[in-house]
Amino acid sequence: MSALVTRVGTGDGGGLDVRELRDVGEFEDAVRLFDAIWRPDPGNRPITVELMLALSHAGNYVAGAYEGGRLAGASVAFLAAPIGRALHSHVTGALPGRGAGLALKLHQRAWALERGLDRVTWTYDPLVRRNAHFNLAKLGARAEEYLPSFYGAMDDEINAGDESDRLLAVWRLSEPRVLAAARGEPYVPEVPADAVTGLDVLDGLPSPVPAGAWAGARTVLVAVPEDVEALRRADPGAARAWRRAVREVLGGLLAEGALVTGFDRRAGYVVERPGPAGRSGS
């Protein structure tokens, strides 16, 4: 199968070329890019050159987005269960302000569809607001599982000092909301008038609402901090409080069978609880 190459315009007359990476020099460039983004401990990089080489050679997804010949983003994914249907995206990193993250995901989607796959999964930190919006609104993915301390301790500049809770994002590539997002139409979830806040924010800190106050609510809203990465640096205690609160409320809701129907910029996660009169969660 020939290598997939796409050209994405940036709206300013420029553009990004997204293509699969094939040789050691390109993999070394990707590692340097990831180092610049996460600044990890040398022994705790998200991926190595050798592993990218092996994954690529075995037919998995390793790609880069280039702007004017310079690497602006890279992504690595591997084939996953269900066999013949899924791809798991292990790491995607992009320099800010260039649109490389979106360009890579759209290239990844096209690559997967070309091989008969119908879904892509990945994990992300539920506290990072911009990632929640990107994944659930801009891409139309769904957050389907809460994974406490998924990666254990992470010694990089972004995650150090915090636990590595993650949400599993599931991107069903031909779902109507995903098709619309691929056309540039972000998914905006419905926030019903009777939605009840389960986790609020007060003076920058998490303010959980007693569970009894929303025990019968069908739709629950779960807030996240404005910028958890800045908060980790300025007030690690507050960042840890957010981690515990979101794990308890959002993680608890998903454990009881609730569905995240989307992410609202003001309200946070929109969560539909199970029930005989429940909405479809679409």
Protein backbone atom coordinates (compact mmCIF):
# COMPACT_ATOMS: atom_id res chain seq x y z
CA MET A 1 0.00 0.00 0.00
CA SER A 2 1.46 3.38 -1.00
CA ALA A 3 2.32 5.96 1.64
CA LEU A 4 -0.46 8.45 2.34
CA VAL A 5 0.56 12.10 1.94
CA THR A 6 -1.83 15.00 2.56
CA ARG A 7 -1.52 18.76 2.18
CA VAL A 8 -3.46 20.94 4.63
CA GLY A 9 -3.81 24.67 4.06
CA THR A 10 -3.32 26.95 7.06
CA GLY A 11 -5.44 29.86 5.83
CA ASP A 12 -2.51 32.27 5.56
CA GLY A 13 -1.23 31.07 2.22
CA GLY A 14 0.92 28.43 3.87
CA GLY A 15 0.28 24.81 4.55
CA LEU A 16 1.31 21.59 6.23
CA ASP A 17 2.47 18.44 4.49
CA VAL A 18 1.55 15.34 6.49
CA ARG A 19 3.20 12.05 5.62
CA GLU A 20 4.44 8.82 7.09
CA LEU A 21 7.97 8.77 8.52
CA ARG A 22 10.30 6.08 7.23
CA ASP A 23 13.95 6.54 8.21
CA VAL A 24 16.01 6.88 11.38
CA GLY A 25 16.73 10.58 10.81
CA GLU A 26 13.01 11.35 10.68
CA PHE A 27 12.38 9.33 13.85
CA GLU A 28 15.20 11.22 15.59
CA ASP A 29 13.53 14.50 14.58
CA ALA A 30 10.26 13.24 16.09
CA VAL A 31 11.95 12.34 19.38
CA ARG A 32 13.54 15.80 19.54
CA LEU A 33 10.14 17.36 18.91
CA PHE A 34 8.53 15.32 21.71
CA ASP A 35 11.42 16.24 24.02
CA ALA A 36 10.84 19.92 23.30
CA ILE A 37 7.12 19.56 24.09
CA TRP A 38 7.21 17.39 27.23
CA ARG A 39 10.80 17.88 28.44
CA PRO A 40 10.88 14.39 29.95
CA ASP A 41 13.53 12.71 32.01
CA PRO A 42 15.82 11.00 29.44
CA GLY A 43 14.77 7.59 30.75
CA ASN A 44 11.06 8.37 30.56
CA ARG A 45 10.50 9.51 26.97
CA PRO A 46 7.05 8.79 25.52
CA ILE A 47 8.70 6.76 22.73
CA THR A 48 12.14 5.94 21.38
CA VAL A 49 13.68 5.97 17.92
CA GLU A 50 14.07 2.18 18.01
CA LEU A 51 10.41 1.60 18.85
CA MET A 52 9.23 3.98 16.12
CA LEU A 53 11.42 2.15 13.63
CA ALA A 54 9.99 -1.22 14.67
CA LEU A 55 6.37 0.01 14.61
CA SER A 56 6.78 1.59 11.19
CA HIS A 57 8.46 -1.47 9.74
CA ALA A 58 5.65 -3.68 11.08
CA GLY A 59 3.01 -1.61 9.28
CA ASN A 60 1.85 0.67 12.07
CA TYR A 61 1.28 4.42 11.94
CA VAL A 62 4.20 6.84 12.36
CA ALA A 63 3.68 10.24 10.74
CA GLY A 64 4.87 13.82 10.80
CA ALA A 65 3.44 17.19 9.82
CA TYR A 66 5.90 19.51 8.09
CA GLU A 67 5.70 23.27 7.73
CA GLY A 68 8.17 24.63 5.22
CA GLY A 69 10.25 21.48 5.54
CA ARG A 70 10.38 21.70 9.36
CA LEU A 71 8.71 19.10 11.56
CA ALA A 72 5.80 20.77 13.39
CA GLY A 73 4.09 17.67 14.77
CA ALA A 74 4.33 13.90 14.93
CA SER A 75 2.10 10.98 15.85
CA VAL A 76 2.66 7.30 16.59
CA ALA A 77 -0.10 4.66 16.70
CA PHE A 78 -0.32 0.89 16.57
CA LEU A 79 -2.92 -1.63 15.48
CA ALA A 80 -5.14 -2.71 18.36
CA ALA A 81 -8.14 -4.81 19.38
CA PRO A 82 -10.62 -5.51 17.92
CA ILE A 83 -8.16 -6.93 15.41
CA GLY A 84 -8.64 -5.54 11.93
CA ARG A 85 -10.86 -2.71 13.17
CA ALA A 86 -8.93 -0.46 15.54
CA LEU A 87 -5.84 1.71 15.83
CA HIS A 88 -4.54 2.98 19.18
CA SER A 89 -2.79 6.34 19.03
CA HIS A 90 -0.01 6.24 21.63
CA VAL A 91 1.42 9.74 21.32
CA THR A 92 0.74 12.87 19.28
CA GLY A 93 2.66 16.07 19.84
CA ALA A 94 2.51 19.33 17.91
CA LEU A 95 3.99 22.81 18.14
CA PRO A 96 1.26 25.33 19.07
CA GLY A 97 -0.46 27.68 16.67
CA ARG A 98 0.17 25.78 13.44
CA GLY A 99 -2.80 23.42 13.19
CA ALA A 100 -0.46 20.44 13.11
CA GLY A 101 -2.41 18.49 15.73
CA LEU A 102 -5.63 18.58 13.72
CA ALA A 103 -3.80 17.89 10.46
CA LEU A 104 -2.19 14.79 11.98
CA LYS A 105 -5.49 13.45 13.33
CA LEU A 106 -7.21 13.89 9.97
CA HIS A 107 -4.29 12.16 8.24
CA GLN A 108 -4.47 9.39 10.86
CA ARG A 109 -8.20 8.99 10.19
CA ALA A 110 -7.63 8.72 6.42
CA TRP A 111 -4.78 6.22 6.98
CA ALA A 112 -7.01 4.05 9.17
CA LEU A 113 -9.95 4.12 6.77
CA GLU A 114 -7.66 3.19 3.89
CA ARG A 115 -6.83 0.02 5.80
CA GLY A 116 -10.43 -0.89 6.63
CA LEU A 117 -10.27 0.24 10.26
CA ASP A 118 -13.31 1.91 11.79
CA ARG A 119 -12.05 3.39 15.04
CA VAL A 120 -9.07 5.09 16.65
CA THR A 121 -8.55 5.26 20.41
CA TRP A 122 -6.19 7.26 22.59
CA THR A 123 -5.91 8.54 26.15
CA TYR A 124 -5.78 12.11 27.43
CA ASP A 125 -5.68 13.92 30.75
CA PRO A 126 -9.29 14.81 31.69
CA LEU A 127 -8.09 17.96 33.48
CA VAL A 128 -6.58 19.57 30.38
CA ARG A 129 -9.39 21.76 29.08
CA ARG A 130 -7.98 22.44 25.61
CA ASN A 131 -7.45 18.70 25.00
CA ALA A 132 -10.98 17.89 26.13
CA HIS A 133 -12.36 20.48 23.69
CA PHE A 134 -10.07 19.33 20.88
CA ASN A 135 -10.88 15.64 21.30
CA LEU A 136 -14.61 15.79 22.00
CA ALA A 137 -15.67 18.91 20.09
CA LYS A 138 -13.19 19.49 17.29
CA LEU A 139 -12.76 15.78 16.46
CA GLY A 140 -16.12 14.45 17.63
CA ALA A 141 -14.58 11.62 19.66
CA ARG A 142 -16.26 10.19 22.75
CA ALA A 143 -14.73 9.80 26.24
CA GLU A 144 -15.73 6.30 27.31
CA GLU A 145 -13.58 5.11 30.21
CA TYR A 146 -11.90 6.72 33.21
CA LEU A 147 -8.45 5.22 33.86
CA PRO A 148 -6.99 6.21 37.29
CA SER A 149 -3.20 6.63 37.41
CA PHE A 150 -2.98 4.89 34.04
CA TYR A 151 0.73 5.47 33.32
CA GLY A 152 1.93 5.57 36.93
CA ALA A 153 4.45 8.30 37.79
CA MET A 154 5.46 10.46 34.82
CA ASP A 155 8.72 12.41 35.11
CA ASP A 156 8.26 15.12 32.53
CA GLU A 157 7.85 18.87 32.86
CA ILE A 158 4.11 18.81 32.09
CA ASN A 159 2.97 15.88 34.28
CA ALA A 160 5.53 15.73 37.11
CA GLY A 161 4.05 15.83 40.60
CA ASP A 162 0.59 14.72 39.49
CA GLU A 163 -1.10 11.36 39.03
CA SER A 164 -1.60 10.14 35.48
CA ASP A 165 -5.39 9.71 35.37
CA ARG A 166 -6.63 9.46 31.79
CA LEU A 167 -9.84 9.29 29.80
CA LEU A 168 -10.04 6.83 26.93
CA ALA A 169 -11.16 8.66 23.79
CA VAL A 170 -12.91 6.54 21.15
CA TRP A 171 -13.11 7.99 17.62
CA ARG A 172 -15.61 6.09 15.51
CA LEU A 173 -14.44 7.23 12.13
CA SER A 174 -17.72 7.10 10.21
CA GLU A 175 -20.04 8.29 12.98
CA PRO A 176 -22.12 11.33 11.92
CA ARG A 177 -20.57 13.63 14.53
CA VAL A 178 -17.08 12.61 13.35
CA LEU A 179 -17.96 13.13 9.68
CA ALA A 180 -19.24 16.62 10.56
CA ALA A 181 -16.11 17.40 12.57
CA ALA A 182 -13.94 16.30 9.64
CA ARG A 183 -15.80 18.92 7.56
CA GLY A 184 -14.88 21.59 10.11
CA GLU A 185 -18.13 21.46 12.08
CA PRO A 186 -17.26 20.90 15.78
CA TYR A 187 -19.60 18.81 17.90
CA VAL A 188 -21.51 20.97 20.40
CA PRO A 189 -23.31 18.89 23.03
CA GLU A 190 -26.82 19.64 24.18
CA VAL A 191 -26.92 20.97 27.75
CA PRO A 192 -30.49 20.32 28.91
CA ALA A 193 -32.23 22.97 30.99
CA ASP A 194 -32.54 20.50 33.87
CA ALA A 195 -28.82 19.63 33.93
CA VAL A 196 -27.35 19.68 37.44
CA THR A 197 -23.78 20.56 38.38
CA GLY A 198 -21.91 17.76 40.09
CA LEU A 199 -18.53 19.50 40.26
CA ASP A 200 -18.29 23.28 40.19
CA VAL A 201 -15.42 25.76 40.47
CA LEU A 202 -15.12 28.34 43.25
CA ASP A 203 -12.20 30.80 43.33
CA GLY A 204 -10.23 28.50 41.05
CA LEU A 205 -10.70 25.45 43.28
CA PRO A 206 -12.94 22.42 42.79
CA SER A 207 -16.26 22.69 44.58
CA PRO A 208 -18.00 19.29 44.58
CA VAL A 209 -21.77 19.38 44.99
CA PRO A 210 -23.01 16.79 47.53
CA ALA A 211 -24.10 13.71 45.62
CA GLY A 212 -27.50 13.83 47.27
CA ALA A 213 -28.20 17.13 45.50
CA TRP A 214 -27.96 15.48 42.07
CA ALA A 215 -28.88 11.89 42.90
CA GLY A 216 -31.92 11.96 40.63
CA ALA A 217 -30.45 14.13 37.88
CA ARG A 218 -30.28 12.68 34.39
CA THR A 219 -27.56 15.08 33.13
CA VAL A 220 -24.61 16.09 35.33
CA LEU A 221 -22.02 18.77 34.54
CA VAL A 222 -18.41 18.29 35.65
CA ALA A 223 -16.12 21.33 35.64
CA VAL A 224 -12.35 21.28 35.07
CA PRO A 225 -9.73 23.94 35.88
CA GLU A 226 -8.98 26.74 33.44
CA ASP A 227 -5.32 25.73 33.01
CA VAL A 228 -4.20 22.75 35.07
CA GLU A 229 -0.65 22.83 33.69
CA ALA A 230 -0.11 26.38 34.98
CA LEU A 231 -1.83 25.41 38.23
CA ARG A 232 0.60 22.52 38.78
CA ARG A 233 3.45 25.03 38.71
CA ALA A 234 1.77 27.78 40.76
CA ASP A 235 -0.24 25.73 43.27
CA PRO A 236 0.45 21.98 43.20
CA GLY A 237 -1.95 21.43 46.10
CA ALA A 238 -4.84 22.94 44.14
CA ALA A 239 -3.95 20.82 41.10
CA ARG A 240 -4.02 17.68 43.25
CA ALA A 241 -7.40 18.73 44.67
CA TRP A 242 -8.75 18.98 41.10
CA ARG A 243 -7.36 15.54 40.30
CA ARG A 244 -9.10 13.95 43.29
CA ALA A 245 -12.38 15.76 42.67
CA VAL A 246 -12.61 14.93 38.95
CA ARG A 247 -11.63 11.32 39.65
CA GLU A 248 -14.36 11.03 42.27
CA VAL A 249 -17.14 12.74 40.32
CA LEU A 250 -16.42 12.03 36.65
CA GLY A 251 -14.73 8.69 37.31
CA GLY A 252 -17.59 7.71 39.60
CA LEU A 253 -20.22 8.60 37.03
CA LEU A 254 -18.52 6.60 34.28
CA ALA A 255 -18.08 3.64 36.64
CA GLU A 256 -21.84 3.57 37.22
CA GLY A 257 -22.49 3.45 33.46
CA ALA A 258 -22.94 7.12 32.61
CA LEU A 259 -21.94 8.49 29.18
CA VAL A 260 -19.94 11.62 28.44
CA THR A 261 -21.97 13.23 25.66
CA GLY A 262 -19.51 16.05 25.01
CA PHE A 263 -17.54 18.97 26.41
CA ASP A 264 -19.01 22.44 26.86
CA ARG A 265 -16.53 25.35 27.13
CA ARG A 266 -18.44 26.88 30.05
CA ALA A 267 -19.95 23.90 31.86
CA GLY A 268 -17.21 21.28 31.32
CA TYR A 269 -18.06 17.63 30.72
CA VAL A 270 -21.70 16.91 29.94
CA VAL A 271 -22.54 13.51 31.40
CA GLU A 272 -25.72 11.52 30.77
CA ARG A 273 -26.61 9.07 33.52
CA PRO A 274 -28.28 5.73 32.80
CA GLY A 275 -31.98 5.37 33.45
CA PRO A 276 -35.16 4.02 31.91
CA ALA A 277 -36.08 7.45 30.56
CA GLY A 278 -32.52 8.38 29.61
CA ARG A 279 -31.66 10.23 26.45
CA SER A 280 -29.75 8.52 23.70
CA GLY A 281 -26.38 10.08 24.57
CA SER A 282 -25.82 10.95 20.92
